[in-house]
């Protein structure tokens, strides 16, 4: 994997949800649309159940 393919950024959609995305997957990190978010990881999906 090339060095530029390892660069990630946090972005927010219009609803305020956070995602982590590869920079190369975004057209414009300041204006994210649904197409951009297809290859991103939703912040909430990172949560792992830790039990009680």
C-alpha atoms as a PDB file:
ATOM      1  CA  UNK A   1       0.000   0.000   0.000  1.00  0.00           C
ATOM      2  CA  UNK A   2       1.413   3.360  -1.008  1.00  0.00           C
ATOM      3  CA  UNK A   3       1.971   6.005   1.662  1.00  0.00           C
ATOM      4  CA  UNK A   4      -0.800   8.300   0.357  1.00  0.00           C
ATOM      5  CA  UNK A   5      -3.283   5.390   0.601  1.00  0.00           C
ATOM      6  CA  UNK A   6      -2.714   5.253   4.377  1.00  0.00           C
ATOM      7  CA  UNK A   7      -3.962   8.788   5.056  1.00  0.00           C
ATOM      8  CA  UNK A   8      -7.280   8.999   6.881  1.00  0.00           C
ATOM      9  CA  UNK A   9      -9.446  11.922   7.983  1.00  0.00           C
ATOM     10  CA  UNK A  10     -12.473  12.416  10.205  1.00  0.00           C
ATOM     11  CA  UNK A  11     -15.471  13.884   8.380  1.00  0.00           C
ATOM     12  CA  UNK A  12     -19.043  14.758   9.346  1.00  0.00           C
ATOM     13  CA  UNK A  13     -22.156  14.428   7.234  1.00  0.00           C
ATOM     14  CA  UNK A  14     -24.959  17.000   7.244  1.00  0.00           C
ATOM     15  CA  UNK A  15     -26.660  15.208  10.155  1.00  0.00           C
ATOM     16  CA  UNK A  16     -23.515  15.508  12.290  1.00  0.00           C
ATOM     17  CA  UNK A  17     -22.517  11.821  12.142  1.00  0.00           C
ATOM     18  CA  UNK A  18     -18.759  11.235  12.147  1.00  0.00           C
ATOM     19  CA  UNK A  19     -16.898   8.944   9.781  1.00  0.00           C
ATOM     20  CA  UNK A  20     -13.276   8.020   9.235  1.00  0.00           C
ATOM     21  CA  UNK A  21     -12.360   7.935   5.545  1.00  0.00           C
ATOM     22  CA  UNK A  22      -9.334   7.486   3.352  1.00  0.00           C
ATOM     23  CA  UNK A  23      -8.446  10.844   1.855  1.00  0.00           C
ATOM     24  CA  UNK A  24      -8.297   9.273  -1.603  1.00  0.00           C
ATOM     25  CA  UNK A  25     -11.948   8.141  -1.299  1.00  0.00           C
ATOM     26  CA  UNK A  26     -13.234  11.707  -0.892  1.00  0.00           C
ATOM     27  CA  UNK A  27     -13.872  14.222  -3.649  1.00  0.00           C
ATOM     28  CA  UNK A  28     -13.770  17.109  -1.152  1.00  0.00           C
ATOM     29  CA  UNK A  29     -13.326  16.391   2.602  1.00  0.00           C
ATOM     30  CA  UNK A  30     -15.163  19.626   3.440  1.00  0.00           C
ATOM     31  CA  UNK A  31     -18.266  18.669   1.423  1.00  0.00           C
ATOM     32  CA  UNK A  32     -18.981  14.982   1.988  1.00  0.00           C
ATOM     33  CA  UNK A  33     -21.895  13.325   0.198  1.00  0.00           C
ATOM     34  CA  UNK A  34     -23.446   9.837   0.330  1.00  0.00           C
ATOM     35  CA  UNK A  35     -21.239   8.646  -2.529  1.00  0.00           C
ATOM     36  CA  UNK A  36     -18.121   9.558  -0.555  1.00  0.00           C
ATOM     37  CA  UNK A  37     -19.344   7.785   2.581  1.00  0.00           C
ATOM     38  CA  UNK A  38     -19.774   4.373   0.913  1.00  0.00           C
ATOM     39  CA  UNK A  39     -16.136   3.511   1.622  1.00  0.00           C
ATOM     40  CA  UNK A  40     -15.955   5.160   5.044  1.00  0.00           C
ATOM     41  CA  UNK A  41     -16.359   3.745   8.525  1.00  0.00           C
ATOM     42  CA  UNK A  42     -19.149   5.186  10.664  1.00  0.00           C
ATOM     43  CA  UNK A  43     -17.880   6.250  14.091  1.00  0.00           C
ATOM     44  CA  UNK A  44     -20.696   4.313  15.798  1.00  0.00           C
ATOM     45  CA  UNK A  45     -19.809   1.092  13.996  1.00  0.00           C
ATOM     46  CA  UNK A  46     -16.387   1.049  15.672  1.00  0.00           C
ATOM     47  CA  UNK A  47     -17.942   0.299  19.049  1.00  0.00           C
ATOM     48  CA  UNK A  48     -17.366  -3.163  20.424  1.00  0.00           C
ATOM     49  CA  UNK A  49     -19.505  -4.706  23.123  1.00  0.00           C
ATOM     50  CA  UNK A  50     -17.412  -4.839  26.300  1.00  0.00           C
ATOM     51  CA  UNK A  51     -19.967  -6.506  28.544  1.00  0.00           C
ATOM     52  CA  UNK A  52     -21.049  -5.480  32.018  1.00  0.00           C
END
